[in-house]
């Protein structure tokens, strides 16, 4: 019995030995983010060529990671890695809109530098933007490693398959969940504990739209739960805290939960 167990574990070890630890993969992503946003780094470059050289080094590292994780069997991994880095300027532009949304939307934010350096929402969105690009290129495993790392650090769980527009703001963020087939428009703001989830988690629904669509200029307050692939939150709507929604709401809707709260003076009881 025990000998068979040892043999089984040894065979598994042979299958995965070439795959780098998750921390090596997330360290690569952190370097990419810090090259885009030097606010997170203490490294200073002497000239543009030195900066370009670091981007090229990270492109080569991505090739190595993709080979080790068997990203594709019959494709040009170098070409895929180069295609990803060709998208970096677009990712950078989107992240700058997110910074602007967070700074403009939070009275406590004193500067964009502070947003980049300290805000968990921006940290999670940064990893999501990289992961989503890789996901859209149908590169397996790496996108989930990146978003789950951000999840572990911030409590913000964004599936790399979600489609999220520009000027995205997650305020506080702890407990926020955004499912794989969620679609989020531009200028959307979510508070902590918001769930964009599925009504059903059956495995046979893996390739169906299970999660909601949130249109442009929507605010969703803390602990709201919105479920279902056919559920659409119309543009310019406000969803209040603790709301539970499984049906669509029209544009310009105000949706709120009204619990009954009783306050009694203990001295008069």
C-alpha atoms as a PDB file:
ATOM      1  CA  UNK A   1       0.000   0.000   0.000  1.00  0.00           C
ATOM      2  CA  UNK A   2       2.604   2.571   1.085  1.00  0.00           C
ATOM      3  CA  UNK A   3       4.967   1.578  -1.750  1.00  0.00           C
ATOM      4  CA  UNK A   4       2.188   2.196  -4.271  1.00  0.00           C
ATOM      5  CA  UNK A   5       1.535   5.579  -2.685  1.00  0.00           C
ATOM      6  CA  UNK A   6       5.189   6.565  -2.989  1.00  0.00           C
ATOM      7  CA  UNK A   7       5.209   5.461  -6.624  1.00  0.00           C
ATOM      8  CA  UNK A   8       2.090   7.479  -7.384  1.00  0.00           C
ATOM      9  CA  UNK A   9       3.528  10.659  -5.830  1.00  0.00           C
ATOM     10  CA  UNK A  10       6.836  10.130  -7.661  1.00  0.00           C
ATOM     11  CA  UNK A  11       5.034   9.869 -11.017  1.00  0.00           C
ATOM     12  CA  UNK A  12       3.152  13.086 -10.330  1.00  0.00           C
ATOM     13  CA  UNK A  13       6.391  14.793  -9.357  1.00  0.00           C
ATOM     14  CA  UNK A  14       7.940  13.824 -12.682  1.00  0.00           C
ATOM     15  CA  UNK A  15       5.011  15.389 -14.508  1.00  0.00           C
ATOM     16  CA  UNK A  16       5.196  18.766 -12.768  1.00  0.00           C
ATOM     17  CA  UNK A  17       8.895  19.167 -11.990  1.00  0.00           C
ATOM     18  CA  UNK A  18       9.486  21.569 -14.893  1.00  0.00           C
ATOM     19  CA  UNK A  19       6.702  23.950 -13.915  1.00  0.00           C
ATOM     20  CA  UNK A  20       8.109  26.940 -11.985  1.00  0.00           C
ATOM     21  CA  UNK A  21       6.595  27.751  -8.590  1.00  0.00           C
ATOM     22  CA  UNK A  22       3.677  30.174  -8.582  1.00  0.00           C
ATOM     23  CA  UNK A  23       5.849  32.789  -6.876  1.00  0.00           C
ATOM     24  CA  UNK A  24       8.236  32.843  -9.832  1.00  0.00           C
ATOM     25  CA  UNK A  25       5.343  33.450 -12.214  1.00  0.00           C
ATOM     26  CA  UNK A  26       3.826  36.191 -10.062  1.00  0.00           C
ATOM     27  CA  UNK A  27       7.281  37.749  -9.592  1.00  0.00           C
ATOM     28  CA  UNK A  28       7.480  38.032 -13.385  1.00  0.00           C
ATOM     29  CA  UNK A  29       4.113  39.834 -13.452  1.00  0.00           C
ATOM     30  CA  UNK A  30       5.173  42.174 -10.651  1.00  0.00           C
ATOM     31  CA  UNK A  31       8.218  43.148 -12.662  1.00  0.00           C
ATOM     32  CA  UNK A  32       6.047  43.940 -15.681  1.00  0.00           C
ATOM     33  CA  UNK A  33       3.755  46.107 -13.553  1.00  0.00           C
ATOM     34  CA  UNK A  34       6.708  47.893 -11.929  1.00  0.00           C
ATOM     35  CA  UNK A  35       8.224  48.667 -15.313  1.00  0.00           C
ATOM     36  CA  UNK A  36       4.946  50.295 -16.354  1.00  0.00           C
ATOM     37  CA  UNK A  37       4.546  52.085 -13.029  1.00  0.00           C
ATOM     38  CA  UNK A  38       7.886  53.115 -11.517  1.00  0.00           C
ATOM     39  CA  UNK A  39       5.929  54.433  -8.517  1.00  0.00           C
ATOM     40  CA  UNK A  40       6.103  50.812  -7.301  1.00  0.00           C
ATOM     41  CA  UNK A  41       9.827  50.406  -7.906  1.00  0.00           C
ATOM     42  CA  UNK A  42      13.054  51.965  -6.661  1.00  0.00           C
ATOM     43  CA  UNK A  43      15.015  51.134  -9.827  1.00  0.00           C
ATOM     44  CA  UNK A  44      16.161  54.068 -11.951  1.00  0.00           C
ATOM     45  CA  UNK A  45      17.118  53.667 -15.611  1.00  0.00           C
ATOM     46  CA  UNK A  46      20.002  55.488 -17.234  1.00  0.00           C
ATOM     47  CA  UNK A  47      18.264  55.687 -20.610  1.00  0.00           C
ATOM     48  CA  UNK A  48      15.392  54.341 -22.723  1.00  0.00           C
ATOM     49  CA  UNK A  49      17.513  51.515 -24.110  1.00  0.00           C
ATOM     50  CA  UNK A  50      18.088  50.105 -20.641  1.00  0.00           C
ATOM     51  CA  UNK A  51      14.330  50.158 -19.990  1.00  0.00           C
ATOM     52  CA  UNK A  52      13.685  48.502 -23.346  1.00  0.00           C
ATOM     53  CA  UNK A  53      16.233  45.826 -22.470  1.00  0.00           C
ATOM     54  CA  UNK A  54      14.329  44.961 -19.290  1.00  0.00           C
ATOM     55  CA  UNK A  55      11.075  44.599 -21.237  1.00  0.00           C
ATOM     56  CA  UNK A  56      12.854  42.274 -23.672  1.00  0.00           C
ATOM     57  CA  UNK A  57      14.232  40.252 -20.757  1.00  0.00           C
ATOM     58  CA  UNK A  58      10.722  39.832 -19.357  1.00  0.00           C
ATOM     59  CA  UNK A  59       9.459  38.771 -22.787  1.00  0.00           C
ATOM     60  CA  UNK A  60      12.108  36.033 -22.794  1.00  0.00           C
ATOM     61  CA  UNK A  61      11.106  35.048 -19.267  1.00  0.00           C
ATOM     62  CA  UNK A  62       7.500  34.713 -20.415  1.00  0.00           C
ATOM     63  CA  UNK A  63       8.677  32.347 -23.161  1.00  0.00           C
ATOM     64  CA  UNK A  64      10.406  30.210 -20.539  1.00  0.00           C
ATOM     65  CA  UNK A  65       7.329  30.183 -18.298  1.00  0.00           C
ATOM     66  CA  UNK A  66       5.036  29.300 -21.187  1.00  0.00           C
ATOM     67  CA  UNK A  67       7.274  26.425 -22.263  1.00  0.00           C
ATOM     68  CA  UNK A  68       7.411  25.073 -18.714  1.00  0.00           C
ATOM     69  CA  UNK A  69       3.633  25.295 -18.272  1.00  0.00           C
ATOM     70  CA  UNK A  70       3.004  23.787 -21.727  1.00  0.00           C
ATOM     71  CA  UNK A  71       1.009  26.818 -22.826  1.00  0.00           C
ATOM     72  CA  UNK A  72       0.568  25.327 -26.278  1.00  0.00           C
ATOM     73  CA  UNK A  73       1.786  22.232 -28.074  1.00  0.00           C
ATOM     74  CA  UNK A  74       1.754  23.297 -31.727  1.00  0.00           C
ATOM     75  CA  UNK A  75       2.372  27.027 -31.710  1.00  0.00           C
ATOM     76  CA  UNK A  76       5.210  29.522 -31.755  1.00  0.00           C
ATOM     77  CA  UNK A  77       5.662  30.407 -28.082  1.00  0.00           C
ATOM     78  CA  UNK A  78       8.102  33.207 -28.877  1.00  0.00           C
ATOM     79  CA  UNK A  79       5.554  34.757 -31.208  1.00  0.00           C
ATOM     80  CA  UNK A  80       2.840  34.495 -28.545  1.00  0.00           C
ATOM     81  CA  UNK A  81       5.066  36.113 -25.934  1.00  0.00           C
ATOM     82  CA  UNK A  82       5.931  38.912 -28.345  1.00  0.00           C
ATOM     83  CA  UNK A  83       2.241  39.401 -29.150  1.00  0.00           C
ATOM     84  CA  UNK A  84       1.525  39.770 -25.437  1.00  0.00           C
ATOM     85  CA  UNK A  85       4.185  42.452 -25.029  1.00  0.00           C
ATOM     86  CA  UNK A  86       2.816  44.246 -28.076  1.00  0.00           C
ATOM     87  CA  UNK A  87      -0.375  44.657 -26.010  1.00  0.00           C
ATOM     88  CA  UNK A  88       1.455  46.226 -23.054  1.00  0.00           C
ATOM     89  CA  UNK A  89       0.874  49.842 -24.228  1.00  0.00           C
ATOM     90  CA  UNK A  90      -2.885  49.166 -24.402  1.00  0.00           C
ATOM     91  CA  UNK A  91      -2.849  47.525 -20.957  1.00  0.00           C
ATOM     92  CA  UNK A  92      -0.921  50.541 -19.652  1.00  0.00           C
ATOM     93  CA  UNK A  93      -3.482  52.936 -21.106  1.00  0.00           C
ATOM     94  CA  UNK A  94      -6.385  51.041 -19.536  1.00  0.00           C
ATOM     95  CA  UNK A  95      -4.653  50.954 -16.155  1.00  0.00           C
ATOM     96  CA  UNK A  96      -4.163  54.698 -16.310  1.00  0.00           C
ATOM     97  CA  UNK A  97      -7.921  55.121 -16.753  1.00  0.00           C
ATOM     98  CA  UNK A  98      -8.406  52.897 -13.692  1.00  0.00           C
ATOM     99  CA  UNK A  99      -5.999  55.067 -11.697  1.00  0.00           C
ATOM    100  CA  UNK A 100      -7.956  58.143 -12.732  1.00  0.00           C
ATOM    101  CA  UNK A 101     -11.269  56.539 -11.755  1.00  0.00           C
ATOM    102  CA  UNK A 102      -9.957  55.525  -8.337  1.00  0.00           C
ATOM    103  CA  UNK A 103      -8.392  58.930  -7.669  1.00  0.00           C
ATOM    104  CA  UNK A 104     -11.471  60.860  -8.802  1.00  0.00           C
ATOM    105  CA  UNK A 105     -13.862  58.512  -7.021  1.00  0.00           C
ATOM    106  CA  UNK A 106     -12.250  58.384  -3.592  1.00  0.00           C
ATOM    107  CA  UNK A 107     -12.088  61.587  -1.515  1.00  0.00           C
ATOM    108  CA  UNK A 108      -9.442  59.913   0.668  1.00  0.00           C
ATOM    109  CA  UNK A 109      -6.996  59.563  -2.253  1.00  0.00           C
ATOM    110  CA  UNK A 110      -4.413  62.325  -2.012  1.00  0.00           C
ATOM    111  CA  UNK A 111      -2.573  61.606  -5.265  1.00  0.00           C
ATOM    112  CA  UNK A 112      -2.375  59.200  -8.172  1.00  0.00           C
ATOM    113  CA  UNK A 113       0.991  58.106  -6.762  1.00  0.00           C
ATOM    114  CA  UNK A 114      -0.815  57.001  -3.600  1.00  0.00           C
ATOM    115  CA  UNK A 115      -3.340  55.033  -5.668  1.00  0.00           C
ATOM    116  CA  UNK A 116      -0.612  53.175  -7.550  1.00  0.00           C
ATOM    117  CA  UNK A 117       1.482  52.531  -4.474  1.00  0.00           C
ATOM    118  CA  UNK A 118      -1.098  51.597  -1.859  1.00  0.00           C
ATOM    119  CA  UNK A 119      -4.574  50.793  -3.192  1.00  0.00           C
ATOM    120  CA  UNK A 120      -5.550  47.097  -3.179  1.00  0.00           C
ATOM    121  CA  UNK A 121      -8.117  47.764  -5.894  1.00  0.00           C
ATOM    122  CA  UNK A 122      -5.434  48.962  -8.277  1.00  0.00           C
ATOM    123  CA  UNK A 123      -3.179  46.029  -7.334  1.00  0.00           C
ATOM    124  CA  UNK A 124      -5.918  43.517  -8.160  1.00  0.00           C
ATOM    125  CA  UNK A 125      -6.928  45.302 -11.366  1.00  0.00           C
ATOM    126  CA  UNK A 126      -3.292  45.408 -12.522  1.00  0.00           C
ATOM    127  CA  UNK A 127      -2.941  41.653 -12.228  1.00  0.00           C
ATOM    128  CA  UNK A 128      -6.347  41.172 -13.833  1.00  0.00           C
ATOM    129  CA  UNK A 129      -5.404  43.295 -16.866  1.00  0.00           C
ATOM    130  CA  UNK A 130      -2.266  41.206 -17.497  1.00  0.00           C
ATOM    131  CA  UNK A 131      -4.094  37.936 -16.841  1.00  0.00           C
ATOM    132  CA  UNK A 132      -7.023  38.850 -19.075  1.00  0.00           C
ATOM    133  CA  UNK A 133      -4.718  39.544 -22.005  1.00  0.00           C
ATOM    134  CA  UNK A 134      -3.076  36.143 -21.560  1.00  0.00           C
ATOM    135  CA  UNK A 135      -6.504  34.514 -21.131  1.00  0.00           C
ATOM    136  CA  UNK A 136      -7.761  36.057 -24.370  1.00  0.00           C
ATOM    137  CA  UNK A 137      -4.707  34.574 -26.095  1.00  0.00           C
ATOM    138  CA  UNK A 138      -5.889  31.171 -24.770  1.00  0.00           C
ATOM    139  CA  UNK A 139      -2.776  30.689 -22.657  1.00  0.00           C
ATOM    140  CA  UNK A 140      -3.690  28.275 -19.840  1.00  0.00           C
ATOM    141  CA  UNK A 141      -2.828  28.260 -16.129  1.00  0.00           C
ATOM    142  CA  UNK A 142      -0.755  31.464 -15.985  1.00  0.00           C
ATOM    143  CA  UNK A 143      -3.792  33.809 -15.951  1.00  0.00           C
ATOM    144  CA  UNK A 144      -5.343  31.978 -12.990  1.00  0.00           C
ATOM    145  CA  UNK A 145      -2.051  31.973 -11.109  1.00  0.00           C
ATOM    146  CA  UNK A 146      -1.840  35.744 -11.506  1.00  0.00           C
ATOM    147  CA  UNK A 147      -5.396  36.569 -10.441  1.00  0.00           C
ATOM    148  CA  UNK A 148      -5.335  34.102  -7.541  1.00  0.00           C
ATOM    149  CA  UNK A 149      -2.133  35.730  -6.307  1.00  0.00           C
ATOM    150  CA  UNK A 150      -3.849  39.114  -6.343  1.00  0.00           C
ATOM    151  CA  UNK A 151      -6.846  37.468  -4.639  1.00  0.00           C
ATOM    152  CA  UNK A 152      -4.610  36.141  -1.862  1.00  0.00           C
ATOM    153  CA  UNK A 153      -3.068  39.580  -1.320  1.00  0.00           C
ATOM    154  CA  UNK A 154      -6.196  41.751  -1.504  1.00  0.00           C
ATOM    155  CA  UNK A 155      -9.275  39.573  -0.978  1.00  0.00           C
ATOM    156  CA  UNK A 156     -10.446  40.668  -4.446  1.00  0.00           C
ATOM    157  CA  UNK A 157     -11.311  37.707  -6.685  1.00  0.00           C
ATOM    158  CA  UNK A 158     -11.473  38.590 -10.387  1.00  0.00           C
ATOM    159  CA  UNK A 159     -11.551  35.741 -12.875  1.00  0.00           C
ATOM    160  CA  UNK A 160      -9.186  36.487 -15.789  1.00  0.00           C
ATOM    161  CA  UNK A 161     -11.962  35.670 -18.254  1.00  0.00           C
ATOM    162  CA  UNK A 162     -14.192  38.536 -17.129  1.00  0.00           C
ATOM    163  CA  UNK A 163     -14.504  41.408 -19.600  1.00  0.00           C
ATOM    164  CA  UNK A 164     -13.989  44.750 -17.896  1.00  0.00           C
ATOM    165  CA  UNK A 165     -14.023  48.178 -19.530  1.00  0.00           C
ATOM    166  CA  UNK A 166     -12.048  51.304 -18.780  1.00  0.00           C
ATOM    167  CA  UNK A 167     -12.176  53.579 -15.719  1.00  0.00           C
ATOM    168  CA  UNK A 168     -12.834  50.661 -13.367  1.00  0.00           C
ATOM    169  CA  UNK A 169     -12.854  51.382  -9.633  1.00  0.00           C
ATOM    170  CA  UNK A 170     -12.935  48.843  -6.817  1.00  0.00           C
ATOM    171  CA  UNK A 171     -13.181  50.708  -3.500  1.00  0.00           C
ATOM    172  CA  UNK A 172     -11.826  48.868  -0.439  1.00  0.00           C
ATOM    173  CA  UNK A 173     -12.517  45.622  -2.267  1.00  0.00           C
ATOM    174  CA  UNK A 174     -12.239  42.899   0.355  1.00  0.00           C
ATOM    175  CA  UNK A 175     -14.599  40.060  -0.520  1.00  0.00           C
ATOM    176  CA  UNK A 176     -15.356  41.276  -4.040  1.00  0.00           C
ATOM    177  CA  UNK A 177     -16.007  38.413  -6.497  1.00  0.00           C
ATOM    178  CA  UNK A 178     -16.250  38.835 -10.280  1.00  0.00           C
ATOM    179  CA  UNK A 179     -17.066  35.622 -12.142  1.00  0.00           C
ATOM    180  CA  UNK A 180     -15.566  34.342 -15.378  1.00  0.00           C
ATOM    181  CA  UNK A 181     -18.305  35.378 -17.804  1.00  0.00           C
ATOM    182  CA  UNK A 182     -19.072  38.744 -16.188  1.00  0.00           C
ATOM    183  CA  UNK A 183     -19.170  41.736 -18.525  1.00  0.00           C
ATOM    184  CA  UNK A 184     -18.501  45.151 -16.981  1.00  0.00           C
ATOM    185  CA  UNK A 185     -18.703  48.387 -18.945  1.00  0.00           C
ATOM    186  CA  UNK A 186     -16.853  51.678 -18.558  1.00  0.00           C
ATOM    187  CA  UNK A 187     -16.907  53.908 -15.477  1.00  0.00           C
ATOM    188  CA  UNK A 188     -18.151  51.198 -13.098  1.00  0.00           C
ATOM    189  CA  UNK A 189     -17.504  51.380  -9.366  1.00  0.00           C
ATOM    190  CA  UNK A 190     -17.770  48.429  -6.972  1.00  0.00           C
ATOM    191  CA  UNK A 191     -17.485  48.469  -3.208  1.00  0.00           C
ATOM    192  CA  UNK A 192     -16.336  45.695  -0.882  1.00  0.00           C
ATOM    193  CA  UNK A 193     -18.207  42.413  -0.756  1.00  0.00           C
ATOM    194  CA  UNK A 194     -19.905  42.753  -4.149  1.00  0.00           C
ATOM    195  CA  UNK A 195     -20.547  39.438  -5.898  1.00  0.00           C
ATOM    196  CA  UNK A 196     -21.129  39.090  -9.624  1.00  0.00           C
ATOM    197  CA  UNK A 197     -21.893  35.391  -9.577  1.00  0.00           C
ATOM    198  CA  UNK A 198     -23.739  32.502 -11.178  1.00  0.00           C
ATOM    199  CA  UNK A 199     -27.182  31.158 -10.326  1.00  0.00           C
ATOM    200  CA  UNK A 200     -25.916  27.636 -10.954  1.00  0.00           C
ATOM    201  CA  UNK A 201     -22.443  26.108 -10.803  1.00  0.00           C
ATOM    202  CA  UNK A 202     -23.086  22.912 -12.756  1.00  0.00           C
ATOM    203  CA  UNK A 203     -19.978  21.749 -14.616  1.00  0.00           C
ATOM    204  CA  UNK A 204     -21.899  21.442 -17.888  1.00  0.00           C
ATOM    205  CA  UNK A 205     -22.295  25.247 -17.851  1.00  0.00           C
ATOM    206  CA  UNK A 206     -18.549  25.814 -18.219  1.00  0.00           C
ATOM    207  CA  UNK A 207     -18.867  27.446 -21.643  1.00  0.00           C
ATOM    208  CA  UNK A 208     -22.095  29.372 -21.101  1.00  0.00           C
ATOM    209  CA  UNK A 209     -22.607  32.905 -19.826  1.00  0.00           C
ATOM    210  CA  UNK A 210     -23.281  32.387 -16.140  1.00  0.00           C
ATOM    211  CA  UNK A 211     -22.486  35.804 -14.702  1.00  0.00           C
ATOM    212  CA  UNK A 212     -24.142  39.229 -14.964  1.00  0.00           C
ATOM    213  CA  UNK A 213     -23.584  42.137 -17.329  1.00  0.00           C
ATOM    214  CA  UNK A 214     -23.045  45.562 -15.773  1.00  0.00           C
ATOM    215  CA  UNK A 215     -23.387  48.443 -18.200  1.00  0.00           C
ATOM    216  CA  UNK A 216     -21.601  51.816 -18.150  1.00  0.00           C
ATOM    217  CA  UNK A 217     -21.673  54.293 -15.258  1.00  0.00           C
ATOM    218  CA  UNK A 218     -23.007  51.881 -12.635  1.00  0.00           C
ATOM    219  CA  UNK A 219     -22.238  52.012  -8.901  1.00  0.00           C
ATOM    220  CA  UNK A 220     -22.730  48.870  -6.815  1.00  0.00           C
ATOM    221  CA  UNK A 221     -22.491  49.301  -3.049  1.00  0.00           C
ATOM    222  CA  UNK A 222     -21.105  46.905  -0.463  1.00  0.00           C
ATOM    223  CA  UNK A 223     -22.293  43.321  -0.127  1.00  0.00           C
ATOM    224  CA  UNK A 224     -24.680  43.480  -3.072  1.00  0.00           C
ATOM    225  CA  UNK A 225     -25.100  40.081  -4.759  1.00  0.00           C
ATOM    226  CA  UNK A 226     -26.011  39.978  -8.454  1.00  0.00           C
ATOM    227  CA  UNK A 227     -26.435  36.567 -10.042  1.00  0.00           C
ATOM    228  CA  UNK A 228     -27.144  35.019 -13.421  1.00  0.00           C
ATOM    229  CA  UNK A 229     -25.905  35.204 -16.978  1.00  0.00           C
ATOM    230  CA  UNK A 230     -29.081  36.859 -18.225  1.00  0.00           C
ATOM    231  CA  UNK A 231     -29.072  39.528 -15.522  1.00  0.00           C
ATOM    232  CA  UNK A 232     -28.248  42.982 -16.896  1.00  0.00           C
ATOM    233  CA  UNK A 233     -27.721  46.076 -14.766  1.00  0.00           C
ATOM    234  CA  UNK A 234     -28.731  48.966 -16.982  1.00  0.00           C
ATOM    235  CA  UNK A 235     -26.385  51.900 -17.459  1.00  0.00           C
ATOM    236  CA  UNK A 236     -26.337  54.786 -14.972  1.00  0.00           C
ATOM    237  CA  UNK A 237     -27.912  52.647 -12.251  1.00  0.00           C
ATOM    238  CA  UNK A 238     -27.120  52.547  -8.536  1.00  0.00           C
ATOM    239  CA  UNK A 239     -27.372  49.240  -6.659  1.00  0.00           C
ATOM    240  CA  UNK A 240     -27.537  49.714  -2.909  1.00  0.00           C
ATOM    241  CA  UNK A 241     -25.792  47.735  -0.217  1.00  0.00           C
ATOM    242  CA  UNK A 242     -26.977  44.196   0.652  1.00  0.00           C
ATOM    243  CA  UNK A 243     -29.241  43.999  -2.395  1.00  0.00           C
ATOM    244  CA  UNK A 244     -29.869  40.500  -3.840  1.00  0.00           C
ATOM    245  CA  UNK A 245     -30.627  40.550  -7.565  1.00  0.00           C
ATOM    246  CA  UNK A 246     -31.338  37.737 -10.000  1.00  0.00           C
ATOM    247  CA  UNK A 247     -33.247  39.780 -12.582  1.00  0.00           C
ATOM    248  CA  UNK A 248     -32.297  42.656 -14.863  1.00  0.00           C
ATOM    249  CA  UNK A 249     -32.925  46.290 -13.997  1.00  0.00           C
ATOM    250  CA  UNK A 250     -33.477  49.100 -16.493  1.00  0.00           C
ATOM    251  CA  UNK A 251     -31.041  51.957 -17.063  1.00  0.00           C
ATOM    252  CA  UNK A 252     -31.135  54.765 -14.457  1.00  0.00           C
ATOM    253  CA  UNK A 253     -32.520  52.415 -11.798  1.00  0.00           C
ATOM    254  CA  UNK A 254     -32.019  52.950  -8.080  1.00  0.00           C
ATOM    255  CA  UNK A 255     -32.207  49.593  -6.306  1.00  0.00           C
ATOM    256  CA  UNK A 256     -32.022  49.401  -2.526  1.00  0.00           C
ATOM    257  CA  UNK A 257     -32.724  47.065   0.387  1.00  0.00           C
ATOM    258  CA  UNK A 258     -34.846  48.302   3.295  1.00  0.00           C
ATOM    259  CA  UNK A 259     -34.227  46.292   6.456  1.00  0.00           C
ATOM    260  CA  UNK A 260     -36.239  47.054   9.563  1.00  0.00           C
ATOM    261  CA  UNK A 261     -34.036  48.431  12.280  1.00  0.00           C
ATOM    262  CA  UNK A 262     -35.334  49.041  15.805  1.00  0.00           C
ATOM    263  CA  UNK A 263     -33.520  51.279  18.287  1.00  0.00           C
ATOM    264  CA  UNK A 264     -34.603  51.122  21.957  1.00  0.00           C
ATOM    265  CA  UNK A 265     -33.398  53.255  24.841  1.00  0.00           C
ATOM    266  CA  UNK A 266     -32.230  50.680  27.406  1.00  0.00           C
ATOM    267  CA  UNK A 267     -32.911  53.029  30.322  1.00  0.00           C
ATOM    268  CA  UNK A 268     -36.621  53.017  29.506  1.00  0.00           C
ATOM    269  CA  UNK A 269     -36.977  49.237  29.178  1.00  0.00           C
END
